[in-house]
């Protein structure tokens, strides 16, 4: 009788352990600068680097070989799903002011 009770308890414990192992929590992953639409709408050609930095923050990618281009990249991945939000904006400068704004560039589809 005691042996049977131990076997049932062991079987139930193993079953619960196996059942709970598939329910691992995956935290949301947020990478880069949060780029709000209202901030992008305020971004204009002719702004200085300081104005852009105040509006969008420090660029995620500051390429040492191209000091005239700042890249703002953002993606949000919730749990096991693919990225829910993706955004990539490049700001190109000429003579320390914004010369071109490249919005909605494509990020890698596997993110």
PDB file of N, CA and C in Angstrom:
ATOM      1  N   UNK A   1       0.818  -1.207   0.000  1.00  0.00           N
ATOM      2  CA  UNK A   1       0.000   0.000   0.000  1.00  0.00           C
ATOM      3  C   UNK A   1       0.860   1.269   0.000  1.00  0.00           C
ATOM      4  N   UNK A   2       1.890   1.292   0.844  1.00  0.00           N
ATOM      5  CA  UNK A   2       2.771   2.458   0.941  1.00  0.00           C
ATOM      6  C   UNK A   2       3.573   2.653  -0.353  1.00  0.00           C
ATOM      7  N   UNK A   3       3.981   1.528  -0.945  1.00  0.00           N
ATOM      8  CA  UNK A   3       4.711   1.584  -2.198  1.00  0.00           C
ATOM      9  C   UNK A   3       3.842   2.140  -3.319  1.00  0.00           C
ATOM     10  N   UNK A   4       2.589   1.754  -3.352  1.00  0.00           N
ATOM     11  CA  UNK A   4       1.643   2.218  -4.362  1.00  0.00           C
ATOM     12  C   UNK A   4       1.416   3.721  -4.223  1.00  0.00           C
ATOM     13  N   UNK A   5       1.309   4.198  -3.009  1.00  0.00           N
ATOM     14  CA  UNK A   5       1.092   5.613  -2.745  1.00  0.00           C
ATOM     15  C   UNK A   5       2.294   6.436  -3.208  1.00  0.00           C
ATOM     16  N   UNK A   6       3.506   5.954  -2.949  1.00  0.00           N
ATOM     17  CA  UNK A   6       4.730   6.638  -3.377  1.00  0.00           C
ATOM     18  C   UNK A   6       4.814   6.673  -4.904  1.00  0.00           C
ATOM     19  N   UNK A   7       4.432   5.598  -5.555  1.00  0.00           N
ATOM     20  CA  UNK A   7       4.471   5.526  -7.014  1.00  0.00           C
ATOM     21  C   UNK A   7       3.478   6.513  -7.626  1.00  0.00           C
ATOM     22  N   UNK A   8       2.287   6.583  -7.069  1.00  0.00           N
ATOM     23  CA  UNK A   8       1.278   7.524  -7.578  1.00  0.00           C
ATOM     24  C   UNK A   8       1.738   8.963  -7.351  1.00  0.00           C
ATOM     25  N   UNK A   9       2.289   9.246  -6.195  1.00  0.00           N
ATOM     26  CA  UNK A   9       2.788  10.593  -5.892  1.00  0.00           C
ATOM     27  C   UNK A   9       3.920  10.983  -6.841  1.00  0.00           C
ATOM     28  N   UNK A  10       4.818  10.031  -7.102  1.00  0.00           N
ATOM     29  CA  UNK A  10       5.920  10.282  -8.035  1.00  0.00           C
ATOM     30  C   UNK A  10       5.386  10.522  -9.446  1.00  0.00           C
ATOM     31  N   UNK A  11       4.413   9.724  -9.869  1.00  0.00           N
ATOM     32  CA  UNK A  11       3.839   9.883 -11.205  1.00  0.00           C
ATOM     33  C   UNK A  11       3.129  11.229 -11.345  1.00  0.00           C
ATOM     34  N   UNK A  12       2.373  11.634 -10.348  1.00  0.00           N
ATOM     35  CA  UNK A  12       1.673  12.919 -10.385  1.00  0.00           C
ATOM     36  C   UNK A  12       2.683  14.067 -10.378  1.00  0.00           C
ATOM     37  N   UNK A  13       3.737  13.949  -9.594  1.00  0.00           N
ATOM     38  CA  UNK A  13       4.779  14.997  -9.550  1.00  0.00           C
ATOM     39  C   UNK A  13       5.468  15.137 -10.894  1.00  0.00           C
ATOM     40  N   UNK A  14       5.821  14.016 -11.510  1.00  0.00           N
ATOM     41  CA  UNK A  14       6.461  14.053 -12.829  1.00  0.00           C
ATOM     42  C   UNK A  14       5.526  14.629 -13.890  1.00  0.00           C
ATOM     43  N   UNK A  15       4.256  14.276 -13.815  1.00  0.00           N
ATOM     44  CA  UNK A  15       3.281  14.812 -14.753  1.00  0.00           C
ATOM     45  C   UNK A  15       3.168  16.328 -14.610  1.00  0.00           C
ATOM     46  N   UNK A  16       3.086  16.823 -13.376  1.00  0.00           N
ATOM     47  CA  UNK A  16       2.995  18.276 -13.135  1.00  0.00           C
ATOM     48  C   UNK A  16       4.265  18.985 -13.593  1.00  0.00           C
ATOM     49  N   UNK A  17       5.413  18.375 -13.367  1.00  0.00           N
ATOM     50  CA  UNK A  17       6.679  18.963 -13.789  1.00  0.00           C
ATOM     51  C   UNK A  17       6.749  19.045 -15.316  1.00  0.00           C
ATOM     52  N   UNK A  18       6.346  17.981 -15.983  1.00  0.00           N
ATOM     53  CA  UNK A  18       6.349  17.973 -17.453  1.00  0.00           C
ATOM     54  C   UNK A  18       5.357  18.980 -18.014  1.00  0.00           C
ATOM     55  N   UNK A  19       4.218  19.111 -17.380  1.00  0.00           N
ATOM     56  CA  UNK A  19       3.201  20.049 -17.835  1.00  0.00           C
ATOM     57  C   UNK A  19       3.650  21.500 -17.668  1.00  0.00           C
ATOM     58  N   UNK A  20       4.307  21.780 -16.558  1.00  0.00           N
ATOM     59  CA  UNK A  20       4.719  23.169 -16.296  1.00  0.00           C
ATOM     60  C   UNK A  20       5.970  23.579 -17.059  1.00  0.00           C
ATOM     61  N   UNK A  21       6.751  22.640 -17.552  1.00  0.00           N
ATOM     62  CA  UNK A  21       7.988  22.990 -18.258  1.00  0.00           C
ATOM     63  C   UNK A  21       7.708  23.656 -19.601  1.00  0.00           C
ATOM     64  N   UNK A  22       6.555  23.449 -20.187  1.00  0.00           N
ATOM     65  CA  UNK A  22       6.211  24.080 -21.459  1.00  0.00           C
ATOM     66  C   UNK A  22       5.667  25.482 -21.301  1.00  0.00           C
ATOM     67  N   UNK A  23       5.493  25.940 -20.096  1.00  0.00           N
ATOM     68  CA  UNK A  23       4.906  27.248 -19.827  1.00  0.00           C
ATOM     69  C   UNK A  23       5.960  28.230 -19.323  1.00  0.00           C
ATOM     70  N   UNK A  24       7.073  28.307 -20.008  1.00  0.00           N
ATOM     71  CA  UNK A  24       8.153  29.200 -19.593  1.00  0.00           C
ATOM     72  C   UNK A  24       7.830  30.609 -20.054  1.00  0.00           C
ATOM     73  N   UNK A  25       7.956  31.551 -19.153  1.00  0.00           N
ATOM     74  CA  UNK A  25       7.679  32.959 -19.462  1.00  0.00           C
ATOM     75  C   UNK A  25       8.798  33.541 -20.302  1.00  0.00           C
ATOM     76  N   UNK A  26       8.449  34.243 -21.345  1.00  0.00           N
ATOM     77  CA  UNK A  26       9.418  34.953 -22.174  1.00  0.00           C
ATOM     78  C   UNK A  26       9.140  36.436 -22.037  1.00  0.00           C
ATOM     79  N   UNK A  27      10.120  37.171 -21.576  1.00  0.00           N
ATOM     80  CA  UNK A  27       9.963  38.608 -21.373  1.00  0.00           C
ATOM     81  C   UNK A  27       9.921  39.336 -22.715  1.00  0.00           C
ATOM     82  N   UNK A  28       9.277  40.482 -22.716  1.00  0.00           N
ATOM     83  CA  UNK A  28       9.252  41.329 -23.912  1.00  0.00           C
ATOM     84  C   UNK A  28      10.635  41.928 -24.114  1.00  0.00           C
ATOM     85  N   UNK A  29      11.087  41.962 -25.360  1.00  0.00           N
ATOM     86  CA  UNK A  29      12.401  42.515 -25.681  1.00  0.00           C
ATOM     87  C   UNK A  29      12.190  43.785 -26.490  1.00  0.00           C
ATOM     88  N   UNK A  30      12.710  44.862 -25.963  1.00  0.00           N
ATOM     89  CA  UNK A  30      12.623  46.151 -26.635  1.00  0.00           C
ATOM     90  C   UNK A  30      14.038  46.627 -26.908  1.00  0.00           C
ATOM     91  N   UNK A  31      14.353  46.860 -28.174  1.00  0.00           N
ATOM     92  CA  UNK A  31      15.696  47.280 -28.555  1.00  0.00           C
ATOM     93  C   UNK A  31      15.645  48.595 -29.310  1.00  0.00           C
ATOM     94  N   UNK A  32      16.553  49.485 -28.992  1.00  0.00           N
ATOM     95  CA  UNK A  32      16.694  50.724 -29.746  1.00  0.00           C
ATOM     96  C   UNK A  32      15.957  51.893 -29.148  1.00  0.00           C
ATOM     97  N   UNK A  33      15.763  52.910 -29.970  1.00  0.00           N
ATOM     98  CA  UNK A  33      15.087  54.137 -29.583  1.00  0.00           C
ATOM     99  C   UNK A  33      13.599  54.032 -29.905  1.00  0.00           C
ATOM    100  N   UNK A  34      12.759  54.327 -28.933  1.00  0.00           N
ATOM    101  CA  UNK A  34      11.324  54.378 -29.200  1.00  0.00           C
ATOM    102  C   UNK A  34      11.081  55.591 -30.082  1.00  0.00           C
ATOM    103  N   UNK A  35      10.543  55.361 -31.262  1.00  0.00           N
ATOM    104  CA  UNK A  35      10.326  56.437 -32.221  1.00  0.00           C
ATOM    105  C   UNK A  35       8.830  56.680 -32.328  1.00  0.00           C
ATOM    106  N   UNK A  36       8.381  57.771 -31.769  1.00  0.00           N
ATOM    107  CA  UNK A  36       6.952  58.097 -31.799  1.00  0.00           C
ATOM    108  C   UNK A  36       6.620  58.852 -33.085  1.00  0.00           C
ATOM    109  N   UNK A  37       5.423  58.620 -33.585  1.00  0.00           N
ATOM    110  CA  UNK A  37       4.994  59.263 -34.821  1.00  0.00           C
ATOM    111  C   UNK A  37       4.959  60.779 -34.684  1.00  0.00           C
ATOM    112  N   UNK A  38       4.516  61.280 -33.530  1.00  0.00           N
ATOM    113  CA  UNK A  38       4.448  62.739 -33.344  1.00  0.00           C
ATOM    114  C   UNK A  38       5.848  63.371 -33.332  1.00  0.00           C
ATOM    115  N   UNK A  39       6.850  62.630 -32.856  1.00  0.00           N
ATOM    116  CA  UNK A  39       8.222  63.141 -32.910  1.00  0.00           C
ATOM    117  C   UNK A  39       8.732  63.168 -34.345  1.00  0.00           C
ATOM    118  N   UNK A  40       8.395  62.138 -35.118  1.00  0.00           N
ATOM    119  CA  UNK A  40       8.809  62.107 -36.523  1.00  0.00           C
ATOM    120  C   UNK A  40       8.173  63.236 -37.323  1.00  0.00           C
ATOM    121  N   UNK A  41       6.934  63.568 -36.990  1.00  0.00           N
ATOM    122  CA  UNK A  41       6.253  64.641 -37.706  1.00  0.00           C
ATOM    123  C   UNK A  41       6.895  65.995 -37.433  1.00  0.00           C
ATOM    124  N   UNK A  42       7.548  66.144 -36.278  1.00  0.00           N
ATOM    125  CA  UNK A  42       8.210  67.405 -35.939  1.00  0.00           C
ATOM    126  C   UNK A  42       9.600  67.515 -36.569  1.00  0.00           C
ATOM    127  N   UNK A  43      10.161  66.397 -37.000  1.00  0.00           N
ATOM    128  CA  UNK A  43      11.489  66.374 -37.602  1.00  0.00           C
ATOM    129  C   UNK A  43      11.444  67.048 -38.973  1.00  0.00           C
ATOM    130  N   UNK A  44      12.325  68.011 -39.188  1.00  0.00           N
ATOM    131  CA  UNK A  44      12.316  68.784 -40.438  1.00  0.00           C
ATOM    132  C   UNK A  44      13.714  68.952 -40.990  1.00  0.00           C
ATOM    133  N   UNK A  45      13.790  69.109 -42.300  1.00  0.00           N
ATOM    134  CA  UNK A  45      15.045  69.451 -42.964  1.00  0.00           C
ATOM    135  C   UNK A  45      15.467  70.835 -42.476  1.00  0.00           C
ATOM    136  N   UNK A  46      16.748  70.982 -42.153  1.00  0.00           N
ATOM    137  CA  UNK A  46      17.263  72.266 -41.680  1.00  0.00           C
ATOM    138  C   UNK A  46      17.514  72.297 -40.174  1.00  0.00           C
ATOM    139  N   UNK A  47      17.042  71.282 -39.444  1.00  0.00           N
ATOM    140  CA  UNK A  47      17.283  71.220 -38.003  1.00  0.00           C
ATOM    141  C   UNK A  47      18.751  70.908 -37.724  1.00  0.00           C
ATOM    142  N   UNK A  48      19.246  71.359 -36.578  1.00  0.00           N
ATOM    143  CA  UNK A  48      20.629  71.071 -36.187  1.00  0.00           C
ATOM    144  C   UNK A  48      20.702  69.691 -35.531  1.00  0.00           C
ATOM    145  N   UNK A  49      21.925  69.203 -35.344  1.00  0.00           N
ATOM    146  CA  UNK A  49      22.120  67.902 -34.698  1.00  0.00           C
ATOM    147  C   UNK A  49      21.591  67.924 -33.264  1.00  0.00           C
ATOM    148  N   UNK A  50      21.783  69.027 -32.573  1.00  0.00           N
ATOM    149  CA  UNK A  50      21.286  69.132 -31.200  1.00  0.00           C
ATOM    150  C   UNK A  50      19.759  69.074 -31.147  1.00  0.00           C
ATOM    151  N   UNK A  51      19.106  69.707 -32.100  1.00  0.00           N
ATOM    152  CA  UNK A  51      17.644  69.669 -32.142  1.00  0.00           C
ATOM    153  C   UNK A  51      17.145  68.255 -32.410  1.00  0.00           C
ATOM    154  N   UNK A  52      17.807  67.534 -33.310  1.00  0.00           N
ATOM    155  CA  UNK A  52      17.428  66.153 -33.618  1.00  0.00           C
ATOM    156  C   UNK A  52      17.662  65.269 -32.397  1.00  0.00           C
ATOM    157  N   UNK A  53      18.795  65.454 -31.730  1.00  0.00           N
ATOM    158  CA  UNK A  53      19.101  64.668 -30.536  1.00  0.00           C
ATOM    159  C   UNK A  53      18.078  64.944 -29.431  1.00  0.00           C
ATOM    160  N   UNK A  54      17.645  66.188 -29.288  1.00  0.00           N
ATOM    161  CA  UNK A  54      16.628  66.526 -28.287  1.00  0.00           C
ATOM    162  C   UNK A  54      15.293  65.859 -28.616  1.00  0.00           C
ATOM    163  N   UNK A  55      14.951  65.820 -29.887  1.00  0.00           N
ATOM    164  CA  UNK A  55      13.663  65.284 -30.325  1.00  0.00           C
ATOM    165  C   UNK A  55      13.621  63.750 -30.309  1.00  0.00           C
ATOM    166  N   UNK A  56      14.650  63.110 -30.877  1.00  0.00           N
ATOM    167  CA  UNK A  56      14.642  61.653 -31.035  1.00  0.00           C
ATOM    168  C   UNK A  56      15.579  60.909 -30.089  1.00  0.00           C
ATOM    169  N   UNK A  57      16.451  61.631 -29.415  1.00  0.00           N
ATOM    170  CA  UNK A  57      17.422  60.988 -28.536  1.00  0.00           C
ATOM    171  C   UNK A  57      18.719  60.693 -29.272  1.00  0.00           C
ATOM    172  N   UNK A  58      19.635  60.075 -28.557  1.00  0.00           N
ATOM    173  CA  UNK A  58      20.916  59.701 -29.148  1.00  0.00           C
ATOM    174  C   UNK A  58      20.693  58.557 -30.127  1.00  0.00           C
ATOM    175  N   UNK A  59      21.297  58.634 -31.317  1.00  0.00           N
ATOM    176  CA  UNK A  59      21.058  57.576 -32.304  1.00  0.00           C
ATOM    177  C   UNK A  59      21.592  56.230 -31.827  1.00  0.00           C
ATOM    178  N   UNK A  60      20.895  55.164 -32.196  1.00  0.00           N
ATOM    179  CA  UNK A  60      21.328  53.827 -31.820  1.00  0.00           C
ATOM    180  C   UNK A  60      22.609  53.456 -32.553  1.00  0.00           C
ATOM    181  N   UNK A  61      22.692  53.839 -33.805  1.00  0.00           N
ATOM    182  CA  UNK A  61      23.876  53.530 -34.607  1.00  0.00           C
ATOM    183  C   UNK A  61      24.559  54.843 -34.969  1.00  0.00           C
ATOM    184  N   UNK A  62      25.765  55.006 -34.447  1.00  0.00           N
ATOM    185  CA  UNK A  62      26.577  56.185 -34.755  1.00  0.00           C
ATOM    186  C   UNK A  62      27.799  55.676 -35.496  1.00  0.00           C
ATOM    187  N   UNK A  63      27.712  55.636 -36.805  1.00  0.00           N
ATOM    188  CA  UNK A  63      28.742  55.060 -37.654  1.00  0.00           C
ATOM    189  C   UNK A  63      29.985  55.952 -37.670  1.00  0.00           C
ATOM    190  N   UNK A  64      31.133  55.456 -37.228  1.00  0.00           N
ATOM    191  CA  UNK A  64      32.342  56.279 -37.231  1.00  0.00           C
ATOM    192  C   UNK A  64      32.844  56.597 -38.638  1.00  0.00           C
ATOM    193  N   UNK A  65      32.412  55.831 -39.630  1.00  0.00           N
ATOM    194  CA  UNK A  65      32.844  56.072 -41.004  1.00  0.00           C
ATOM    195  C   UNK A  65      31.932  57.043 -41.740  1.00  0.00           C
ATOM    196  N   UNK A  66      30.759  57.292 -41.191  1.00  0.00           N
ATOM    197  CA  UNK A  66      29.820  58.223 -41.809  1.00  0.00           C
ATOM    198  C   UNK A  66      29.216  59.099 -40.721  1.00  0.00           C
ATOM    199  N   UNK A  67      29.905  60.140 -40.347  1.00  0.00           N
ATOM    200  CA  UNK A  67      29.450  61.035 -39.284  1.00  0.00           C
ATOM    201  C   UNK A  67      28.254  61.878 -39.712  1.00  0.00           C
ATOM    202  N   UNK A  68      27.910  61.832 -40.975  1.00  0.00           N
ATOM    203  CA  UNK A  68      26.815  62.652 -41.492  1.00  0.00           C
ATOM    204  C   UNK A  68      25.492  61.893 -41.547  1.00  0.00           C
ATOM    205  N   UNK A  69      25.440  60.710 -40.933  1.00  0.00           N
ATOM    206  CA  UNK A  69      24.205  59.919 -40.960  1.00  0.00           C
ATOM    207  C   UNK A  69      23.965  59.312 -39.576  1.00  0.00           C
ATOM    208  N   UNK A  70      22.764  59.515 -39.075  1.00  0.00           N
ATOM    209  CA  UNK A  70      22.344  58.905 -37.816  1.00  0.00           C
ATOM    210  C   UNK A  70      21.205  57.942 -38.110  1.00  0.00           C
ATOM    211  N   UNK A  71      21.284  56.762 -37.532  1.00  0.00           N
ATOM    212  CA  UNK A  71      20.244  55.750 -37.711  1.00  0.00           C
ATOM    213  C   UNK A  71      19.547  55.489 -36.381  1.00  0.00           C
ATOM    214  N   UNK A  72      18.228  55.549 -36.427  1.00  0.00           N
ATOM    215  CA  UNK A  72      17.387  55.246 -35.277  1.00  0.00           C
ATOM    216  C   UNK A  72      16.624  53.966 -35.601  1.00  0.00           C
ATOM    217  N   UNK A  73      16.902  52.919 -34.836  1.00  0.00           N
ATOM    218  CA  UNK A  73      16.290  51.618 -35.069  1.00  0.00           C
ATOM    219  C   UNK A  73      15.543  51.218 -33.804  1.00  0.00           C
ATOM    220  N   UNK A  74      14.347  50.650 -33.982  1.00  0.00           N
ATOM    221  CA  UNK A  74      13.561  50.196 -32.839  1.00  0.00           C
ATOM    222  C   UNK A  74      12.763  48.965 -33.220  1.00  0.00           C
ATOM    223  N   UNK A  75      12.768  47.983 -32.326  1.00  0.00           N
ATOM    224  CA  UNK A  75      11.830  46.876 -32.490  1.00  0.00           C
ATOM    225  C   UNK A  75      11.418  46.355 -31.124  1.00  0.00           C
ATOM    226  N   UNK A  76      10.207  45.827 -31.085  1.00  0.00           N
ATOM    227  CA  UNK A  76       9.623  45.289 -29.865  1.00  0.00           C
ATOM    228  C   UNK A  76       9.164  43.873 -30.151  1.00  0.00           C
ATOM    229  N   UNK A  77       9.658  42.936 -29.364  1.00  0.00           N
ATOM    230  CA  UNK A  77       9.311  41.529 -29.530  1.00  0.00           C
ATOM    231  C   UNK A  77       8.662  41.055 -28.240  1.00  0.00           C
ATOM    232  N   UNK A  78       7.440  40.551 -28.332  1.00  0.00           N
ATOM    233  CA  UNK A  78       6.701  40.080 -27.169  1.00  0.00           C
ATOM    234  C   UNK A  78       6.715  38.555 -27.125  1.00  0.00           C
ATOM    235  N   UNK A  79       7.323  37.998 -26.093  1.00  0.00           N
ATOM    236  CA  UNK A  79       7.351  36.555 -25.905  1.00  0.00           C
ATOM    237  C   UNK A  79       8.014  35.827 -27.055  1.00  0.00           C
ATOM    238  N   UNK A  80       7.361  34.788 -27.525  1.00  0.00           N
ATOM    239  CA  UNK A  80       7.910  33.966 -28.610  1.00  0.00           C
ATOM    240  C   UNK A  80       7.522  34.474 -29.992  1.00  0.00           C
ATOM    241  N   UNK A  81       6.664  35.472 -30.059  1.00  0.00           N
ATOM    242  CA  UNK A  81       6.203  36.006 -31.343  1.00  0.00           C
ATOM    243  C   UNK A  81       7.312  36.770 -32.044  1.00  0.00           C
ATOM    244  N   UNK A  82       7.120  37.004 -33.328  1.00  0.00           N
ATOM    245  CA  UNK A  82       8.050  37.857 -34.068  1.00  0.00           C
ATOM    246  C   UNK A  82       7.854  39.297 -33.612  1.00  0.00           C
ATOM    247  N   UNK A  83       8.723  40.172 -34.055  1.00  0.00           N
ATOM    248  CA  UNK A  83       8.655  41.576 -33.640  1.00  0.00           C
ATOM    249  C   UNK A  83       7.305  42.184 -33.991  1.00  0.00           C
ATOM    250  N   UNK A  84       6.655  42.787 -32.999  1.00  0.00           N
ATOM    251  CA  UNK A  84       5.351  43.424 -33.198  1.00  0.00           C
ATOM    252  C   UNK A  84       5.502  44.805 -33.809  1.00  0.00           C
ATOM    253  N   UNK A  85       6.514  45.530 -33.380  1.00  0.00           N
ATOM    254  CA  UNK A  85       6.752  46.873 -33.898  1.00  0.00           C
ATOM    255  C   UNK A  85       8.187  46.956 -34.403  1.00  0.00           C
ATOM    256  N   UNK A  86       8.330  47.481 -35.602  1.00  0.00           N
ATOM    257  CA  UNK A  86       9.663  47.684 -36.170  1.00  0.00           C
ATOM    258  C   UNK A  86       9.696  49.052 -36.829  1.00  0.00           C
ATOM    259  N   UNK A  87      10.779  49.740 -36.637  1.00  0.00           N
ATOM    260  CA  UNK A  87      10.907  51.043 -37.286  1.00  0.00           C
ATOM    261  C   UNK A  87      12.384  51.378 -37.443  1.00  0.00           C
ATOM    262  N   UNK A  88      12.719  51.953 -38.591  1.00  0.00           N
ATOM    263  CA  UNK A  88      14.095  52.367 -38.861  1.00  0.00           C
ATOM    264  C   UNK A  88      14.020  53.698 -39.587  1.00  0.00           C
ATOM    265  N   UNK A  89      14.659  54.699 -39.012  1.00  0.00           N
ATOM    266  CA  UNK A  89      14.693  56.037 -39.590  1.00  0.00           C
ATOM    267  C   UNK A  89      16.146  56.472 -39.689  1.00  0.00           C
ATOM    268  N   UNK A  90      16.531  57.002 -40.836  1.00  0.00           N
ATOM    269  CA  UNK A  90      17.879  57.549 -41.019  1.00  0.00           C
ATOM    270  C   UNK A  90      17.777  59.049 -41.243  1.00  0.00           C
ATOM    271  N   UNK A  91      18.657  59.768 -40.563  1.00  0.00           N
ATOM    272  CA  UNK A  91      18.726  61.221 -40.717  1.00  0.00           C
ATOM    273  C   UNK A  91      20.100  61.539 -41.288  1.00  0.00           C
ATOM    274  N   UNK A  92      20.127  62.194 -42.439  1.00  0.00           N
ATOM    275  CA  UNK A  92      21.373  62.533 -43.123  1.00  0.00           C
ATOM    276  C   UNK A  92      21.618  64.030 -42.963  1.00  0.00           C
ATOM    277  N   UNK A  93      22.844  64.364 -42.567  1.00  0.00           N
ATOM    278  CA  UNK A  93      23.216  65.763 -42.332  1.00  0.00           C
ATOM    279  C   UNK A  93      24.157  66.255 -43.417  1.00  0.00           C
ATOM    280  N   UNK A  94      24.107  67.552 -43.663  1.00  0.00           N
ATOM    281  CA  UNK A  94      25.057  68.243 -44.525  1.00  0.00           C
ATOM    282  C   UNK A  94      25.349  69.585 -43.855  1.00  0.00           C
ATOM    283  N   UNK A  95      26.602  69.838 -43.574  1.00  0.00           N
ATOM    284  CA  UNK A  95      27.005  71.073 -42.879  1.00  0.00           C
ATOM    285  C   UNK A  95      26.280  71.220 -41.535  1.00  0.00           C
ATOM    286  N   UNK A  96      26.218  70.109 -40.789  1.00  0.00           N
ATOM    287  CA  UNK A  96      25.667  70.083 -39.432  1.00  0.00           C
ATOM    288  C   UNK A  96      24.158  70.341 -39.330  1.00  0.00           C
ATOM    289  N   UNK A  97      23.429  70.323 -40.437  1.00  0.00           N
ATOM    290  CA  UNK A  97      21.966  70.450 -40.405  1.00  0.00           C
ATOM    291  C   UNK A  97      21.356  69.296 -41.199  1.00  0.00           C
ATOM    292  N   UNK A  98      20.105  68.984 -40.907  1.00  0.00           N
ATOM    293  CA  UNK A  98      19.415  67.876 -41.573  1.00  0.00           C
ATOM    294  C   UNK A  98      19.231  68.201 -43.049  1.00  0.00           C
ATOM    295  N   UNK A  99      19.710  67.278 -43.892  1.00  0.00           N
ATOM    296  CA  UNK A  99      19.556  67.442 -45.332  1.00  0.00           C
ATOM    297  C   UNK A  99      18.508  66.480 -45.892  1.00  0.00           C
ATOM    298  N   UNK A 100      18.361  65.319 -45.236  1.00  0.00           N
ATOM    299  CA  UNK A 100      17.431  64.309 -45.738  1.00  0.00           C
ATOM    300  C   UNK A 100      16.942  63.452 -44.576  1.00  0.00           C
ATOM    301  N   UNK A 101      15.669  63.057 -44.651  1.00  0.00           N
ATOM    302  CA  UNK A 101      15.071  62.184 -43.650  1.00  0.00           C
ATOM    303  C   UNK A 101      14.526  60.961 -44.374  1.00  0.00           C
ATOM    304  N   UNK A 102      15.050  59.793 -44.033  1.00  0.00           N
ATOM    305  CA  UNK A 102      14.594  58.545 -44.654  1.00  0.00           C
ATOM    306  C   UNK A 102      13.762  57.794 -43.621  1.00  0.00           C
ATOM    307  N   UNK A 103      12.451  57.735 -43.867  1.00  0.00           N
ATOM    308  CA  UNK A 103      11.527  57.087 -42.933  1.00  0.00           C
ATOM    309  C   UNK A 103      11.107  55.732 -43.458  1.00  0.00           C
ATOM    310  N   UNK A 104      10.639  54.902 -42.552  1.00  0.00           N
ATOM    311  CA  UNK A 104      10.056  53.592 -42.864  1.00  0.00           C
ATOM    312  C   UNK A 104      10.981  52.719 -43.711  1.00  0.00           C
ATOM    313  N   UNK A 105      12.252  52.666 -43.335  1.00  0.00           N
ATOM    314  CA  UNK A 105      13.169  51.747 -43.995  1.00  0.00           C
ATOM    315  C   UNK A 105      12.874  50.345 -43.487  1.00  0.00           C
ATOM    316  N   UNK A 106      13.196  49.329 -44.295  1.00  0.00           N
ATOM    317  CA  UNK A 106      12.862  47.950 -43.938  1.00  0.00           C
ATOM    318  C   UNK A 106      13.933  47.320 -43.070  1.00  0.00           C
ATOM    319  N   UNK A 107      13.490  46.698 -41.987  1.00  0.00           N
ATOM    320  CA  UNK A 107      14.370  45.893 -41.138  1.00  0.00           C
ATOM    321  C   UNK A 107      14.309  44.453 -41.615  1.00  0.00           C
ATOM    322  N   UNK A 108      15.223  43.650 -41.128  1.00  0.00           N
ATOM    323  CA  UNK A 108      15.258  42.235 -41.498  1.00  0.00           C
ATOM    324  C   UNK A 108      13.926  41.567 -41.149  1.00  0.00           C
ATOM    325  N   UNK A 109      13.332  40.810 -42.054  1.00  0.00           N
ATOM    326  CA  UNK A 109      12.034  40.202 -41.799  1.00  0.00           C
ATOM    327  C   UNK A 109      12.045  39.141 -40.706  1.00  0.00           C
ATOM    328  N   UNK A 110      13.214  38.580 -40.369  1.00  0.00           N
ATOM    329  CA  UNK A 110      13.285  37.516 -39.369  1.00  0.00           C
ATOM    330  C   UNK A 110      13.313  38.039 -37.937  1.00  0.00           C
ATOM    331  N   UNK A 111      13.310  39.340 -37.732  1.00  0.00           N
ATOM    332  CA  UNK A 111      13.314  39.904 -36.379  1.00  0.00           C
ATOM    333  C   UNK A 111      12.028  39.593 -35.673  1.00  0.00           C
TER     334      UNK A 111
END
